[in-house]
Each structure stands twice: as C-alpha cells, then as structure tokens.
Amino acid sequence: MGDMGAFRDAVTAWAAGGGGERVRELAAGLPVRVAVLLEGPSDAAAVNALAGRRGRDLAAEGVCVLPMGGAMSVGRFAELLGPSGLGLR
C-alpha cells in the first residue's frame, strides 16, 4: 500500500472520529502537500488511472488522492486537512 496509502487510511480514520496523532506522524515523514478530495473510491481510481496514463506519480509529487466516502464529508475532511488542520492545499 505504501506510505501514502497508510496516510489515506489514517486520515479516513481521523475523519471518522479517531485521533489525528498517526496522521501527523505520517505527514511529517511524507512529502504530502496537496489533498485531492473525491467522493468515492471509483473517483479516486479514475484520477489515479488518468495520472498514470499521463506518466504522473501523484504520491511522489506530494499529492494524496483521497476518497471521502460521500460528498457530505467534504467539510470534515477540509477542516482536518486544510489551513486550520494539517495546512494542505
């Protein structure tokens, strides 16, 4: 799964009400700087496939493609990951 996959899993757990310690620990060791919030896994798969077809490695570029499990979760994820949280774009 890789470090970015572990980061995605930790963010998802954090958004569901868990603690953010693991997320902060993983973020400190990763080049993550941008979170692309998507509604679900099929959206994330499509973005990753398109990036791959264009020769892009989003994780290596510091981009975390993150399915939120529904559009209604965008506020929570933005709060945790944006300027008032981890400070990601």
PDB file of N, CA and C in Angstrom:
ATOM      1  N   MET A   1       0.826  -1.188   0.000  1.00  0.00           N
ATOM      2  CA  MET A   1       0.000   0.000   0.000  1.00  0.00           C
ATOM      3  C   MET A   1       0.869   1.251   0.000  1.00  0.00           C
ATOM      4  N   GLY A   2       1.995   1.219   0.634  1.00  0.00           N
ATOM      5  CA  GLY A   2       2.885   2.364   0.646  1.00  0.00           C
ATOM      6  C   GLY A   2       2.519   3.375   1.712  1.00  0.00           C
ATOM      7  N   ASP A   3       3.417   4.310   1.902  1.00  0.00           N
ATOM      8  CA  ASP A   3       3.220   5.324   2.935  1.00  0.00           C
ATOM      9  C   ASP A   3       2.019   6.218   2.666  1.00  0.00           C
ATOM     10  N   MET A   4       1.781   6.579   1.389  1.00  0.00           N
ATOM     11  CA  MET A   4       0.630   7.434   1.082  1.00  0.00           C
ATOM     12  C   MET A   4      -0.666   6.683   1.347  1.00  0.00           C
ATOM     13  N   GLY A   5      -0.672   5.380   1.114  1.00  0.00           N
ATOM     14  CA  GLY A   5      -1.852   4.575   1.426  1.00  0.00           C
ATOM     15  C   GLY A   5      -2.116   4.542   2.914  1.00  0.00           C
ATOM     16  N   ALA A   6      -1.065   4.413   3.704  1.00  0.00           N
ATOM     17  CA  ALA A   6      -1.213   4.443   5.165  1.00  0.00           C
ATOM     18  C   ALA A   6      -1.717   5.807   5.606  1.00  0.00           C
ATOM     19  N   PHE A   7      -1.238   6.873   4.959  1.00  0.00           N
ATOM     20  CA  PHE A   7      -1.697   8.223   5.262  1.00  0.00           C
ATOM     21  C   PHE A   7      -3.188   8.355   4.955  1.00  0.00           C
ATOM     22  N   ARG A   8      -3.616   7.864   3.781  1.00  0.00           N
ATOM     23  CA  ARG A   8      -5.043   7.906   3.410  1.00  0.00           C
ATOM     24  C   ARG A   8      -5.892   7.182   4.444  1.00  0.00           C
ATOM     25  N   ASP A   9      -5.459   5.994   4.839  1.00  0.00           N
ATOM     26  CA  ASP A   9      -6.215   5.220   5.834  1.00  0.00           C
ATOM     27  C   ASP A   9      -6.296   5.956   7.163  1.00  0.00           C
ATOM     28  N   ALA A  10      -5.197   6.569   7.576  1.00  0.00           N
ATOM     29  CA  ALA A  10      -5.171   7.292   8.849  1.00  0.00           C
ATOM     30  C   ALA A  10      -6.063   8.518   8.794  1.00  0.00           C
ATOM     31  N   VAL A  11      -6.078   9.229   7.663  1.00  0.00           N
ATOM     32  CA  VAL A  11      -6.960  10.396   7.514  1.00  0.00           C
ATOM     33  C   VAL A  11      -8.416   9.963   7.579  1.00  0.00           C
ATOM     34  N   THR A  12      -8.739   8.871   6.916  1.00  0.00           N
ATOM     35  CA  THR A  12     -10.120   8.368   6.926  1.00  0.00           C
ATOM     36  C   THR A  12     -10.559   8.016   8.348  1.00  0.00           C
ATOM     37  N   ALA A  13      -9.681   7.375   9.100  1.00  0.00           N
ATOM     38  CA  ALA A  13      -9.997   7.044  10.497  1.00  0.00           C
ATOM     39  C   ALA A  13     -10.151   8.307  11.340  1.00  0.00           C
ATOM     40  N   TRP A  14      -9.303   9.284  11.090  1.00  0.00           N
ATOM     41  CA  TRP A  14      -9.363  10.556  11.812  1.00  0.00           C
ATOM     42  C   TRP A  14     -10.683  11.267  11.524  1.00  0.00           C
ATOM     43  N   ALA A  15     -11.086  11.299  10.246  1.00  0.00           N
ATOM     44  CA  ALA A  15     -12.336  11.947   9.858  1.00  0.00           C
ATOM     45  C   ALA A  15     -13.540  11.257  10.482  1.00  0.00           C
ATOM     46  N   ALA A  16     -13.405   9.962  10.745  1.00  0.00           N
ATOM     47  CA  ALA A  16     -14.494   9.199  11.357  1.00  0.00           C
ATOM     48  C   ALA A  16     -14.541   9.374  12.872  1.00  0.00           C
ATOM     49  N   GLY A  17     -13.643  10.182  13.413  1.00  0.00           N
ATOM     50  CA  GLY A  17     -13.679  10.453  14.845  1.00  0.00           C
ATOM     51  C   GLY A  17     -12.485   9.964  15.627  1.00  0.00           C
ATOM     52  N   GLY A  18     -11.543   9.331  14.961  1.00  0.00           N
ATOM     53  CA  GLY A  18     -10.336   8.868  15.644  1.00  0.00           C
ATOM     54  C   GLY A  18      -9.379  10.010  15.908  1.00  0.00           C
ATOM     55  N   GLY A  19      -8.282   9.690  16.534  1.00  0.00           N
ATOM     56  CA  GLY A  19      -7.265  10.697  16.826  1.00  0.00           C
ATOM     57  C   GLY A  19      -6.429  11.024  15.605  1.00  0.00           C
ATOM     58  N   GLY A  20      -5.818  12.194  15.607  1.00  0.00           N
ATOM     59  CA  GLY A  20      -5.015  12.638  14.487  1.00  0.00           C
ATOM     60  C   GLY A  20      -3.528  12.439  14.659  1.00  0.00           C
ATOM     61  N   GLU A  21      -3.111  11.791  15.745  1.00  0.00           N
ATOM     62  CA  GLU A  21      -1.683  11.634  16.007  1.00  0.00           C
ATOM     63  C   GLU A  21      -0.972  10.870  14.890  1.00  0.00           C
ATOM     64  N   ARG A  22      -1.563   9.771  14.444  1.00  0.00           N
ATOM     65  CA  ARG A  22      -0.947   8.946  13.394  1.00  0.00           C
ATOM     66  C   ARG A  22      -0.858   9.727  12.087  1.00  0.00           C
ATOM     67  N   VAL A  23      -1.881  10.513  11.778  1.00  0.00           N
ATOM     68  CA  VAL A  23      -1.877  11.317  10.557  1.00  0.00           C
ATOM     69  C   VAL A  23      -0.720  12.305  10.592  1.00  0.00           C
ATOM     70  N   ARG A  24      -0.569  12.991  11.713  1.00  0.00           N
ATOM     71  CA  ARG A  24       0.505  13.985  11.840  1.00  0.00           C
ATOM     72  C   ARG A  24       1.878  13.313  11.742  1.00  0.00           C
ATOM     73  N   GLU A  25       2.002  12.144  12.343  1.00  0.00           N
ATOM     74  CA  GLU A  25       3.257  11.393  12.293  1.00  0.00           C
ATOM     75  C   GLU A  25       3.598  11.009  10.849  1.00  0.00           C
ATOM     76  N   LEU A  26       2.619  10.480  10.137  1.00  0.00           N
ATOM     77  CA  LEU A  26       2.844  10.088   8.747  1.00  0.00           C
ATOM     78  C   LEU A  26       3.119  11.307   7.866  1.00  0.00           C
ATOM     79  N   ALA A  27       2.373  12.387   8.069  1.00  0.00           N
ATOM     80  CA  ALA A  27       2.554  13.594   7.265  1.00  0.00           C
ATOM     81  C   ALA A  27       3.953  14.170   7.432  1.00  0.00           C
ATOM     82  N   ALA A  28       4.492  14.068   8.625  1.00  0.00           N
ATOM     83  CA  ALA A  28       5.833  14.597   8.880  1.00  0.00           C
ATOM     84  C   ALA A  28       6.895  13.846   8.086  1.00  0.00           C
ATOM     85  N   GLY A  29       6.636  12.583   7.761  1.00  0.00           N
ATOM     86  CA  GLY A  29       7.610  11.781   7.032  1.00  0.00           C
ATOM     87  C   GLY A  29       7.336  11.664   5.546  1.00  0.00           C
ATOM     88  N   LEU A  30       6.291  12.320   5.077  1.00  0.00           N
ATOM     89  CA  LEU A  30       5.917  12.247   3.660  1.00  0.00           C
ATOM     90  C   LEU A  30       6.027  13.619   3.010  1.00  0.00           C
ATOM     91  N   PRO A  31       6.169  13.637   1.697  1.00  0.00           N
ATOM     92  CA  PRO A  31       6.191  14.924   1.001  1.00  0.00           C
ATOM     93  C   PRO A  31       4.788  15.440   0.691  1.00  0.00           C
ATOM     94  N   VAL A  32       3.768  14.970   1.413  1.00  0.00           N
ATOM     95  CA  VAL A  32       2.388  15.344   1.099  1.00  0.00           C
ATOM     96  C   VAL A  32       2.188  16.846   1.316  1.00  0.00           C
ATOM     97  N   ARG A  33       1.627  17.482   0.279  1.00  0.00           N
ATOM     98  CA  ARG A  33       1.382  18.910   0.336  1.00  0.00           C
ATOM     99  C   ARG A  33       0.006  19.290  -0.198  1.00  0.00           C
ATOM    100  N   VAL A  34      -0.623  18.341  -0.924  1.00  0.00           N
ATOM    101  CA  VAL A  34      -1.920  18.586  -1.538  1.00  0.00           C
ATOM    102  C   VAL A  34      -2.818  17.379  -1.299  1.00  0.00           C
ATOM    103  N   ALA A  35      -4.075  17.640  -0.952  1.00  0.00           N
ATOM    104  CA  ALA A  35      -5.071  16.572  -0.853  1.00  0.00           C
ATOM    105  C   ALA A  35      -6.151  16.837  -1.897  1.00  0.00           C
ATOM    106  N   VAL A  36      -6.394  15.844  -2.731  1.00  0.00           N
ATOM    107  CA  VAL A  36      -7.468  15.920  -3.709  1.00  0.00           C
ATOM    108  C   VAL A  36      -8.620  15.113  -3.117  1.00  0.00           C
ATOM    109  N   LEU A  37      -9.666  15.809  -2.701  1.00  0.00           N
ATOM    110  CA  LEU A  37     -10.811  15.166  -2.057  1.00  0.00           C
ATOM    111  C   LEU A  37     -11.820  14.749  -3.116  1.00  0.00           C
ATOM    112  N   LEU A  38     -12.138  13.455  -3.130  1.00  0.00           N
ATOM    113  CA  LEU A  38     -13.077  12.902  -4.096  1.00  0.00           C
ATOM    114  C   LEU A  38     -14.187  12.170  -3.366  1.00  0.00           C
ATOM    115  N   GLU A  39     -15.327  12.036  -4.023  1.00  0.00           N
ATOM    116  CA  GLU A  39     -16.486  11.442  -3.375  1.00  0.00           C
ATOM    117  C   GLU A  39     -16.265   9.987  -2.973  1.00  0.00           C
ATOM    118  N   GLY A  40     -15.752   9.182  -3.853  1.00  0.00           N
ATOM    119  CA  GLY A  40     -15.628   7.764  -3.528  1.00  0.00           C
ATOM    120  C   GLY A  40     -14.453   7.085  -4.197  1.00  0.00           C
ATOM    121  N   PRO A  41     -14.311   5.783  -3.941  1.00  0.00           N
ATOM    122  CA  PRO A  41     -13.179   5.014  -4.464  1.00  0.00           C
ATOM    123  C   PRO A  41     -13.111   4.963  -5.992  1.00  0.00           C
ATOM    124  N   SER A  42     -14.257   4.926  -6.665  1.00  0.00           N
ATOM    125  CA  SER A  42     -14.211   4.874  -8.132  1.00  0.00           C
ATOM    126  C   SER A  42     -13.680   6.182  -8.699  1.00  0.00           C
ATOM    127  N   ASP A  43     -13.984   7.300  -8.047  1.00  0.00           N
ATOM    128  CA  ASP A  43     -13.452   8.591  -8.482  1.00  0.00           C
ATOM    129  C   ASP A  43     -11.930   8.622  -8.295  1.00  0.00           C
ATOM    130  N   ALA A  44     -11.471   8.124  -7.159  1.00  0.00           N
ATOM    131  CA  ALA A  44     -10.032   8.085  -6.878  1.00  0.00           C
ATOM    132  C   ALA A  44      -9.320   7.172  -7.874  1.00  0.00           C
ATOM    133  N   ALA A  45      -9.931   6.041  -8.189  1.00  0.00           N
ATOM    134  CA  ALA A  45      -9.338   5.117  -9.153  1.00  0.00           C
ATOM    135  C   ALA A  45      -9.227   5.776 -10.527  1.00  0.00           C
ATOM    136  N   ALA A  46     -10.245   6.528 -10.915  1.00  0.00           N
ATOM    137  CA  ALA A  46     -10.224   7.206 -12.216  1.00  0.00           C
ATOM    138  C   ALA A  46      -9.121   8.261 -12.259  1.00  0.00           C
ATOM    139  N   VAL A  47      -8.985   9.060 -11.214  1.00  0.00           N
ATOM    140  CA  VAL A  47      -7.941  10.090 -11.174  1.00  0.00           C
ATOM    141  C   VAL A  47      -6.562   9.444 -11.206  1.00  0.00           C
ATOM    142  N   ASN A  48      -6.365   8.397 -10.415  1.00  0.00           N
ATOM    143  CA  ASN A  48      -5.069   7.708 -10.400  1.00  0.00           C
ATOM    144  C   ASN A  48      -4.749   7.060 -11.751  1.00  0.00           C
ATOM    145  N   ALA A  49      -5.759   6.485 -12.396  1.00  0.00           N
ATOM    146  CA  ALA A  49      -5.547   5.863 -13.708  1.00  0.00           C
ATOM    147  C   ALA A  49      -5.170   6.922 -14.742  1.00  0.00           C
ATOM    148  N   LEU A  50      -5.860   8.038 -14.742  1.00  0.00           N
ATOM    149  CA  LEU A  50      -5.548   9.106 -15.686  1.00  0.00           C
ATOM    150  C   LEU A  50      -4.140   9.651 -15.446  1.00  0.00           C
ATOM    151  N   ALA A  51      -3.796   9.840 -14.183  1.00  0.00           N
ATOM    152  CA  ALA A  51      -2.445  10.315 -13.857  1.00  0.00           C
ATOM    153  C   ALA A  51      -1.400   9.328 -14.371  1.00  0.00           C
ATOM    154  N   GLY A  52      -1.643   8.034 -14.149  1.00  0.00           N
ATOM    155  CA  GLY A  52      -0.712   7.010 -14.619  1.00  0.00           C
ATOM    156  C   GLY A  52      -0.563   7.018 -16.129  1.00  0.00           C
ATOM    157  N   ARG A  53      -1.671   7.206 -16.836  1.00  0.00           N
ATOM    158  CA  ARG A  53      -1.626   7.255 -18.303  1.00  0.00           C
ATOM    159  C   ARG A  53      -0.843   8.461 -18.799  1.00  0.00           C
ATOM    160  N   ARG A  54      -0.780   9.483 -17.976  1.00  0.00           N
ATOM    161  CA  ARG A  54      -0.020  10.690 -18.354  1.00  0.00           C
ATOM    162  C   ARG A  54       1.394  10.678 -17.780  1.00  0.00           C
ATOM    163  N   GLY A  55       1.780   9.519 -17.183  1.00  0.00           N
ATOM    164  CA  GLY A  55       3.135   9.382 -16.659  1.00  0.00           C
ATOM    165  C   GLY A  55       3.374  10.104 -15.347  1.00  0.00           C
ATOM    166  N   ARG A  56       2.321  10.364 -14.615  1.00  0.00           N
ATOM    167  CA  ARG A  56       2.437  11.096 -13.348  1.00  0.00           C
ATOM    168  C   ARG A  56       2.345  10.129 -12.176  1.00  0.00           C
ATOM    169  N   ASP A  57       3.177  10.335 -11.179  1.00  0.00           N
ATOM    170  CA  ASP A  57       3.124   9.592  -9.924  1.00  0.00           C
ATOM    171  C   ASP A  57       2.702  10.600  -8.862  1.00  0.00           C
ATOM    172  N   LEU A  58       1.404  10.676  -8.618  1.00  0.00           N
ATOM    173  CA  LEU A  58       0.875  11.710  -7.732  1.00  0.00           C
ATOM    174  C   LEU A  58       1.446  11.629  -6.323  1.00  0.00           C
ATOM    175  N   ALA A  59       1.584  10.425  -5.797  1.00  0.00           N
ATOM    176  CA  ALA A  59       2.137  10.273  -4.445  1.00  0.00           C
ATOM    177  C   ALA A  59       3.559  10.835  -4.379  1.00  0.00           C
ATOM    178  N   ALA A  60       4.359  10.553  -5.380  1.00  0.00           N
ATOM    179  CA  ALA A  60       5.734  11.064  -5.413  1.00  0.00           C
ATOM    180  C   ALA A  60       5.763  12.584  -5.548  1.00  0.00           C
ATOM    181  N   GLU A  61       4.694  13.144  -6.127  1.00  0.00           N
ATOM    182  CA  GLU A  61       4.587  14.592  -6.283  1.00  0.00           C
ATOM    183  C   GLU A  61       3.991  15.263  -5.044  1.00  0.00           C
ATOM    184  N   GLY A  62       3.672  14.468  -4.030  1.00  0.00           N
ATOM    185  CA  GLY A  62       3.111  15.027  -2.799  1.00  0.00           C
ATOM    186  C   GLY A  62       1.616  15.222  -2.828  1.00  0.00           C
ATOM    187  N   VAL A  63       0.948  14.519  -3.735  1.00  0.00           N
ATOM    188  CA  VAL A  63      -0.499  14.647  -3.883  1.00  0.00           C
ATOM    189  C   VAL A  63      -1.164  13.395  -3.328  1.00  0.00           C
ATOM    190  N   CYS A  64      -2.052  13.580  -2.375  1.00  0.00           N
ATOM    191  CA  CYS A  64      -2.819  12.473  -1.805  1.00  0.00           C
ATOM    192  C   CYS A  64      -4.221  12.502  -2.390  1.00  0.00           C
ATOM    193  N   VAL A  65      -4.563  11.489  -3.164  1.00  0.00           N
ATOM    194  CA  VAL A  65      -5.898  11.343  -3.730  1.00  0.00           C
ATOM    195  C   VAL A  65      -6.728  10.601  -2.692  1.00  0.00           C
ATOM    196  N   LEU A  66      -7.759  11.255  -2.193  1.00  0.00           N
ATOM    197  CA  LEU A  66      -8.458  10.763  -1.015  1.00  0.00           C
ATOM    198  C   LEU A  66      -9.959  10.639  -1.218  1.00  0.00           C
ATOM    199  N   PRO A  67     -10.482   9.405  -1.342  1.00  0.00           N
ATOM    200  CA  PRO A  67     -11.930   9.237  -1.394  1.00  0.00           C
ATOM    201  C   PRO A  67     -12.516   9.458   0.006  1.00  0.00           C
ATOM    202  N   MET A  68     -13.583  10.252   0.073  1.00  0.00           N
ATOM    203  CA  MET A  68     -14.150  10.639   1.367  1.00  0.00           C
ATOM    204  C   MET A  68     -15.310   9.759   1.816  1.00  0.00           C
ATOM    205  N   GLY A  69     -15.805   8.909   0.941  1.00  0.00           N
ATOM    206  CA  GLY A  69     -16.953   8.096   1.323  1.00  0.00           C
ATOM    207  C   GLY A  69     -18.264   8.861   1.232  1.00  0.00           C
ATOM    208  N   GLY A  70     -18.317   9.818   0.357  1.00  0.00           N
ATOM    209  CA  GLY A  70     -19.533  10.599   0.145  1.00  0.00           C
ATOM    210  C   GLY A  70     -19.257  12.092   0.178  1.00  0.00           C
ATOM    211  N   ALA A  71     -19.948  12.817  -0.678  1.00  0.00           N
ATOM    212  CA  ALA A  71     -19.734  14.263  -0.809  1.00  0.00           C
ATOM    213  C   ALA A  71     -20.084  15.020   0.466  1.00  0.00           C
ATOM    214  N   MET A  72     -20.941  14.464   1.284  1.00  0.00           N
ATOM    215  CA  MET A  72     -21.352  15.154   2.517  1.00  0.00           C
ATOM    216  C   MET A  72     -20.206  15.250   3.531  1.00  0.00           C
ATOM    217  N   SER A  73     -19.110  14.546   3.291  1.00  0.00           N
ATOM    218  CA  SER A  73     -17.971  14.548   4.209  1.00  0.00           C
ATOM    219  C   SER A  73     -16.949  15.645   3.906  1.00  0.00           C
ATOM    220  N   VAL A  74     -17.178  16.417   2.860  1.00  0.00           N
ATOM    221  CA  VAL A  74     -16.174  17.372   2.414  1.00  0.00           C
ATOM    222  C   VAL A  74     -15.815  18.392   3.495  1.00  0.00           C
ATOM    223  N   GLY A  75     -16.777  18.867   4.259  1.00  0.00           N
ATOM    224  CA  GLY A  75     -16.496  19.844   5.311  1.00  0.00           C
ATOM    225  C   GLY A  75     -15.550  19.291   6.364  1.00  0.00           C
ATOM    226  N   ARG A  76     -15.798  18.086   6.792  1.00  0.00           N
ATOM    227  CA  ARG A  76     -14.957  17.447   7.810  1.00  0.00           C
ATOM    228  C   ARG A  76     -13.528  17.250   7.297  1.00  0.00           C
ATOM    229  N   PHE A  77     -13.391  16.714   6.090  1.00  0.00           N
ATOM    230  CA  PHE A  77     -12.065  16.486   5.527  1.00  0.00           C
ATOM    231  C   PHE A  77     -11.329  17.807   5.299  1.00  0.00           C
ATOM    232  N   ALA A  78     -12.019  18.815   4.795  1.00  0.00           N
ATOM    233  CA  ALA A  78     -11.396  20.117   4.554  1.00  0.00           C
ATOM    234  C   ALA A  78     -10.935  20.740   5.873  1.00  0.00           C
ATOM    235  N   GLU A  79     -11.720  20.583   6.916  1.00  0.00           N
ATOM    236  CA  GLU A  79     -11.348  21.104   8.241  1.00  0.00           C
ATOM    237  C   GLU A  79     -10.078  20.424   8.757  1.00  0.00           C
ATOM    238  N   LEU A  80      -9.994  19.114   8.619  1.00  0.00           N
ATOM    239  CA  LEU A  80      -8.847  18.370   9.113  1.00  0.00           C
ATOM    240  C   LEU A  80      -7.580  18.583   8.300  1.00  0.00           C
ATOM    241  N   LEU A  81      -7.740  18.722   6.990  1.00  0.00           N
ATOM    242  CA  LEU A  81      -6.573  18.770   6.116  1.00  0.00           C
ATOM    243  C   LEU A  81      -6.187  20.177   5.659  1.00  0.00           C
ATOM    244  N   GLY A  82      -7.117  21.101   5.686  1.00  0.00           N
ATOM    245  CA  GLY A  82      -6.874  22.449   5.181  1.00  0.00           C
ATOM    246  C   GLY A  82      -6.106  23.345   6.153  1.00  0.00           C
ATOM    247  N   PRO A  83      -6.225  24.648   5.953  1.00  0.00           N
ATOM    248  CA  PRO A  83      -5.450  25.626   6.728  1.00  0.00           C
ATOM    249  C   PRO A  83      -5.595  25.507   8.256  1.00  0.00           C
ATOM    250  N   SER A  84      -6.774  25.145   8.728  1.00  0.00           N
ATOM    251  CA  SER A  84      -6.947  25.027  10.187  1.00  0.00           C
ATOM    252  C   SER A  84      -6.527  23.667  10.725  1.00  0.00           C
ATOM    253  N   GLY A  85      -6.164  22.754   9.824  1.00  0.00           N
ATOM    254  CA  GLY A  85      -5.716  21.416  10.223  1.00  0.00           C
ATOM    255  C   GLY A  85      -4.249  21.207   9.872  1.00  0.00           C
ATOM    256  N   LEU A  86      -4.011  20.296   8.934  1.00  0.00           N
ATOM    257  CA  LEU A  86      -2.649  19.987   8.521  1.00  0.00           C
ATOM    258  C   LEU A  86      -2.014  21.055   7.627  1.00  0.00           C
ATOM    259  N   GLY A  87      -2.821  21.934   7.088  1.00  0.00           N
ATOM    260  CA  GLY A  87      -2.290  23.002   6.242  1.00  0.00           C
ATOM    261  C   GLY A  87      -2.010  22.576   4.812  1.00  0.00           C
ATOM    262  N   LEU A  88      -2.679  21.527   4.356  1.00  0.00           N
ATOM    263  CA  LEU A  88      -2.503  21.089   2.971  1.00  0.00           C
ATOM    264  C   LEU A  88      -3.359  21.951   2.047  1.00  0.00           C
ATOM    265  N   ARG A  89      -2.933  22.014   0.797  1.00  0.00           N
ATOM    266  CA  ARG A  89      -3.759  22.696  -0.202  1.00  0.00           C
ATOM    267  C   ARG A  89      -4.813  21.727  -0.669  1.00  0.00           C
TER     268      ARG A  89
END
